Amino acid sequence: MANGYPEDLARTCAESLSVVFKYGLEEPITRRYIDMHIELFENRSKRYWNEWREELLSRLDRLESKVDSLIRQ
């Protein structure tokens, strides 16, 4: 993980920034182009957050189940 984010997300963001920078050197960056990259980043972030959230909830359910079984013993 890079700065708390998965490596592939960090790599994708770096690549997007590289593309934005390169594109900016070739011609003016349009607001739509920047908005598009921001939207792509936000969608990826939401997807990763949802995956992490599901994993954490799953682990919590397993932990609660173990605690319940220990209490019943």
N, C-alpha and C. Protein backbone atom coordinates (compact mmCIF):
# COMPACT_ATOMS: atom_id res chain seq x y z
N MET A 1 0.83 -1.19 0.00
CA MET A 1 0.00 0.00 0.00
C MET A 1 0.87 1.25 0.00
N ALA A 2 0.41 2.22 -0.71
CA ALA A 2 1.12 3.49 -0.77
C ALA A 2 0.26 4.55 -0.11
N ASN A 3 0.72 5.10 0.99
CA ASN A 3 -0.03 6.13 1.72
C ASN A 3 -1.44 5.67 2.10
N GLY A 4 -1.57 4.40 2.46
CA GLY A 4 -2.87 3.88 2.87
C GLY A 4 -3.77 3.45 1.72
N TYR A 5 -3.31 3.53 0.48
CA TYR A 5 -4.09 3.12 -0.66
C TYR A 5 -3.42 1.93 -1.32
N PRO A 6 -4.21 1.08 -1.98
CA PRO A 6 -3.61 -0.04 -2.70
C PRO A 6 -2.64 0.48 -3.77
N GLU A 7 -1.61 -0.32 -4.02
CA GLU A 7 -0.58 0.11 -4.97
C GLU A 7 -1.14 0.37 -6.36
N ASP A 8 -2.08 -0.47 -6.81
CA ASP A 8 -2.61 -0.26 -8.16
C ASP A 8 -3.41 1.03 -8.26
N LEU A 9 -4.08 1.43 -7.18
CA LEU A 9 -4.78 2.72 -7.19
C LEU A 9 -3.78 3.86 -7.25
N ALA A 10 -2.72 3.76 -6.45
CA ALA A 10 -1.69 4.80 -6.46
C ALA A 10 -1.04 4.89 -7.84
N ARG A 11 -0.78 3.74 -8.44
CA ARG A 11 -0.15 3.72 -9.77
C ARG A 11 -1.09 4.35 -10.80
N THR A 12 -2.36 4.00 -10.75
CA THR A 12 -3.34 4.55 -11.69
C THR A 12 -3.44 6.06 -11.55
N CYS A 13 -3.45 6.54 -10.32
CA CYS A 13 -3.52 7.99 -10.09
C CYS A 13 -2.28 8.68 -10.65
N ALA A 14 -1.12 8.07 -10.41
CA ALA A 14 0.12 8.64 -10.93
C ALA A 14 0.09 8.67 -12.46
N GLU A 15 -0.41 7.59 -13.06
CA GLU A 15 -0.51 7.55 -14.52
C GLU A 15 -1.48 8.61 -15.03
N SER A 16 -2.59 8.78 -14.33
CA SER A 16 -3.56 9.81 -14.73
C SER A 16 -2.95 11.19 -14.67
N LEU A 17 -2.23 11.45 -13.58
CA LEU A 17 -1.57 12.75 -13.45
C LEU A 17 -0.54 12.95 -14.56
N SER A 18 0.17 11.88 -14.89
CA SER A 18 1.16 11.96 -15.96
C SER A 18 0.48 12.30 -17.29
N VAL A 19 -0.65 11.65 -17.55
CA VAL A 19 -1.39 11.92 -18.79
C VAL A 19 -1.89 13.36 -18.80
N VAL A 20 -2.43 13.81 -17.67
CA VAL A 20 -2.92 15.19 -17.58
C VAL A 20 -1.79 16.17 -17.84
N PHE A 21 -0.63 15.92 -17.24
CA PHE A 21 0.51 16.81 -17.42
C PHE A 21 0.97 16.82 -18.88
N LYS A 22 1.09 15.61 -19.47
CA LYS A 22 1.52 15.51 -20.87
C LYS A 22 0.51 16.21 -21.79
N TYR A 23 -0.76 15.96 -21.55
CA TYR A 23 -1.81 16.56 -22.36
C TYR A 23 -1.77 18.08 -22.23
N GLY A 24 -1.51 18.56 -21.03
CA GLY A 24 -1.44 20.00 -20.79
C GLY A 24 -0.31 20.66 -21.54
N LEU A 25 0.77 19.92 -21.76
CA LEU A 25 1.89 20.47 -22.51
C LEU A 25 1.57 20.56 -23.99
N GLU A 26 0.72 19.65 -24.47
CA GLU A 26 0.41 19.61 -25.89
C GLU A 26 -0.68 20.60 -26.28
N GLU A 27 -1.67 20.76 -25.43
CA GLU A 27 -2.76 21.69 -25.72
C GLU A 27 -3.45 22.04 -24.40
N PRO A 28 -4.23 23.09 -24.40
CA PRO A 28 -4.88 23.50 -23.15
C PRO A 28 -5.78 22.39 -22.60
N ILE A 29 -5.75 22.22 -21.30
CA ILE A 29 -6.59 21.22 -20.66
C ILE A 29 -7.99 21.79 -20.51
N THR A 30 -8.96 21.04 -20.98
CA THR A 30 -10.34 21.49 -20.85
C THR A 30 -10.88 21.10 -19.48
N ARG A 31 -11.85 21.82 -19.03
CA ARG A 31 -12.48 21.52 -17.74
C ARG A 31 -13.09 20.12 -17.77
N ARG A 32 -13.67 19.74 -18.89
CA ARG A 32 -14.30 18.42 -19.02
C ARG A 32 -13.26 17.32 -18.87
N TYR A 33 -12.09 17.50 -19.44
CA TYR A 33 -11.02 16.50 -19.36
C TYR A 33 -10.60 16.30 -17.91
N ILE A 34 -10.43 17.38 -17.17
CA ILE A 34 -10.05 17.30 -15.76
C ILE A 34 -11.18 16.64 -14.97
N ASP A 35 -12.43 17.05 -15.22
CA ASP A 35 -13.57 16.47 -14.53
C ASP A 35 -13.66 14.96 -14.78
N MET A 36 -13.36 14.56 -16.01
CA MET A 36 -13.41 13.15 -16.35
C MET A 36 -12.40 12.35 -15.52
N HIS A 37 -11.19 12.85 -15.38
CA HIS A 37 -10.17 12.15 -14.60
C HIS A 37 -10.49 12.16 -13.11
N ILE A 38 -11.05 13.24 -12.63
CA ILE A 38 -11.47 13.29 -11.22
C ILE A 38 -12.57 12.25 -10.98
N GLU A 39 -13.51 12.17 -11.90
CA GLU A 39 -14.60 11.20 -11.77
C GLU A 39 -14.07 9.77 -11.79
N LEU A 40 -13.12 9.49 -12.68
CA LEU A 40 -12.52 8.16 -12.72
C LEU A 40 -11.84 7.83 -11.40
N PHE A 41 -11.09 8.78 -10.85
CA PHE A 41 -10.42 8.57 -9.57
C PHE A 41 -11.43 8.33 -8.46
N GLU A 42 -12.50 9.13 -8.41
CA GLU A 42 -13.52 8.97 -7.37
C GLU A 42 -14.21 7.62 -7.47
N ASN A 43 -14.50 7.17 -8.69
CA ASN A 43 -15.15 5.87 -8.87
C ASN A 43 -14.25 4.74 -8.40
N ARG A 44 -12.96 4.84 -8.71
CA ARG A 44 -12.02 3.80 -8.24
C ARG A 44 -11.92 3.83 -6.72
N SER A 45 -11.87 5.02 -6.16
CA SER A 45 -11.78 5.15 -4.70
C SER A 45 -13.00 4.54 -4.03
N LYS A 46 -14.18 4.81 -4.58
CA LYS A 46 -15.41 4.26 -4.01
C LYS A 46 -15.41 2.74 -4.09
N ARG A 47 -14.96 2.22 -5.24
CA ARG A 47 -14.92 0.77 -5.40
C ARG A 47 -14.00 0.14 -4.37
N TYR A 48 -12.80 0.70 -4.18
CA TYR A 48 -11.87 0.16 -3.19
C TYR A 48 -12.44 0.31 -1.79
N TRP A 49 -13.04 1.45 -1.50
CA TRP A 49 -13.63 1.64 -0.17
C TRP A 49 -14.71 0.60 0.08
N ASN A 50 -15.57 0.35 -0.91
CA ASN A 50 -16.63 -0.64 -0.74
C ASN A 50 -16.05 -2.04 -0.52
N GLU A 51 -14.98 -2.38 -1.24
CA GLU A 51 -14.33 -3.68 -1.04
C GLU A 51 -13.75 -3.78 0.36
N TRP A 52 -13.07 -2.74 0.82
CA TRP A 52 -12.50 -2.74 2.18
C TRP A 52 -13.61 -2.85 3.20
N ARG A 53 -14.67 -2.09 2.99
CA ARG A 53 -15.79 -2.08 3.93
C ARG A 53 -16.41 -3.48 4.04
N GLU A 54 -16.63 -4.14 2.90
CA GLU A 54 -17.20 -5.48 2.91
C GLU A 54 -16.28 -6.46 3.64
N GLU A 55 -14.99 -6.35 3.40
CA GLU A 55 -14.03 -7.23 4.08
C GLU A 55 -14.05 -6.98 5.59
N LEU A 56 -14.07 -5.73 6.00
CA LEU A 56 -14.10 -5.41 7.43
C LEU A 56 -15.39 -5.91 8.08
N LEU A 57 -16.51 -5.74 7.42
CA LEU A 57 -17.78 -6.23 7.96
C LEU A 57 -17.78 -7.75 8.06
N SER A 58 -17.20 -8.40 7.07
CA SER A 58 -17.10 -9.85 7.09
C SER A 58 -16.25 -10.32 8.27
N ARG A 59 -15.13 -9.67 8.48
CA ARG A 59 -14.26 -10.02 9.61
C ARG A 59 -14.97 -9.77 10.94
N LEU A 60 -15.70 -8.68 11.01
CA LEU A 60 -16.45 -8.37 12.23
C LEU A 60 -17.50 -9.44 12.51
N ASP A 61 -18.20 -9.88 11.48
CA ASP A 61 -19.19 -10.95 11.64
C ASP A 61 -18.54 -12.22 12.16
N ARG A 62 -17.39 -12.59 11.59
CA ARG A 62 -16.69 -13.80 12.05
C ARG A 62 -16.24 -13.65 13.50
N LEU A 63 -15.74 -12.48 13.85
CA LEU A 63 -15.30 -12.24 15.22
C LEU A 63 -16.48 -12.32 16.19
N GLU A 64 -17.59 -11.71 15.83
CA GLU A 64 -18.78 -11.77 16.68
C GLU A 64 -19.25 -13.21 16.86
N SER A 65 -19.17 -13.99 15.80
CA SER A 65 -19.56 -15.39 15.86
C SER A 65 -18.65 -16.17 16.82
N LYS A 66 -17.36 -15.91 16.74
CA LYS A 66 -16.42 -16.58 17.65
C LYS A 66 -16.68 -16.18 19.10
N VAL A 67 -16.93 -14.91 19.33
CA VAL A 67 -17.21 -14.44 20.69
C VAL A 67 -18.48 -15.09 21.21
N ASP A 68 -19.52 -15.15 20.37
CA ASP A 68 -20.78 -15.79 20.79
C ASP A 68 -20.56 -17.25 21.15
N SER A 69 -19.78 -17.96 20.34
CA SER A 69 -19.53 -19.38 20.64
C SER A 69 -18.72 -19.55 21.92
N LEU A 70 -17.80 -18.65 22.19
CA LEU A 70 -17.03 -18.71 23.44
C LEU A 70 -17.92 -18.43 24.65
N ILE A 71 -18.84 -17.51 24.50
CA ILE A 71 -19.75 -17.17 25.60
C ILE A 71 -20.66 -18.36 25.91
N ARG A 72 -21.10 -19.07 24.88
CA ARG A 72 -22.01 -20.20 25.07
C ARG A 72 -21.33 -21.40 25.73
N GLN A 73 -20.02 -21.48 25.66
CA GLN A 73 -19.31 -22.64 26.22
C GLN A 73 -19.33 -22.68 27.69
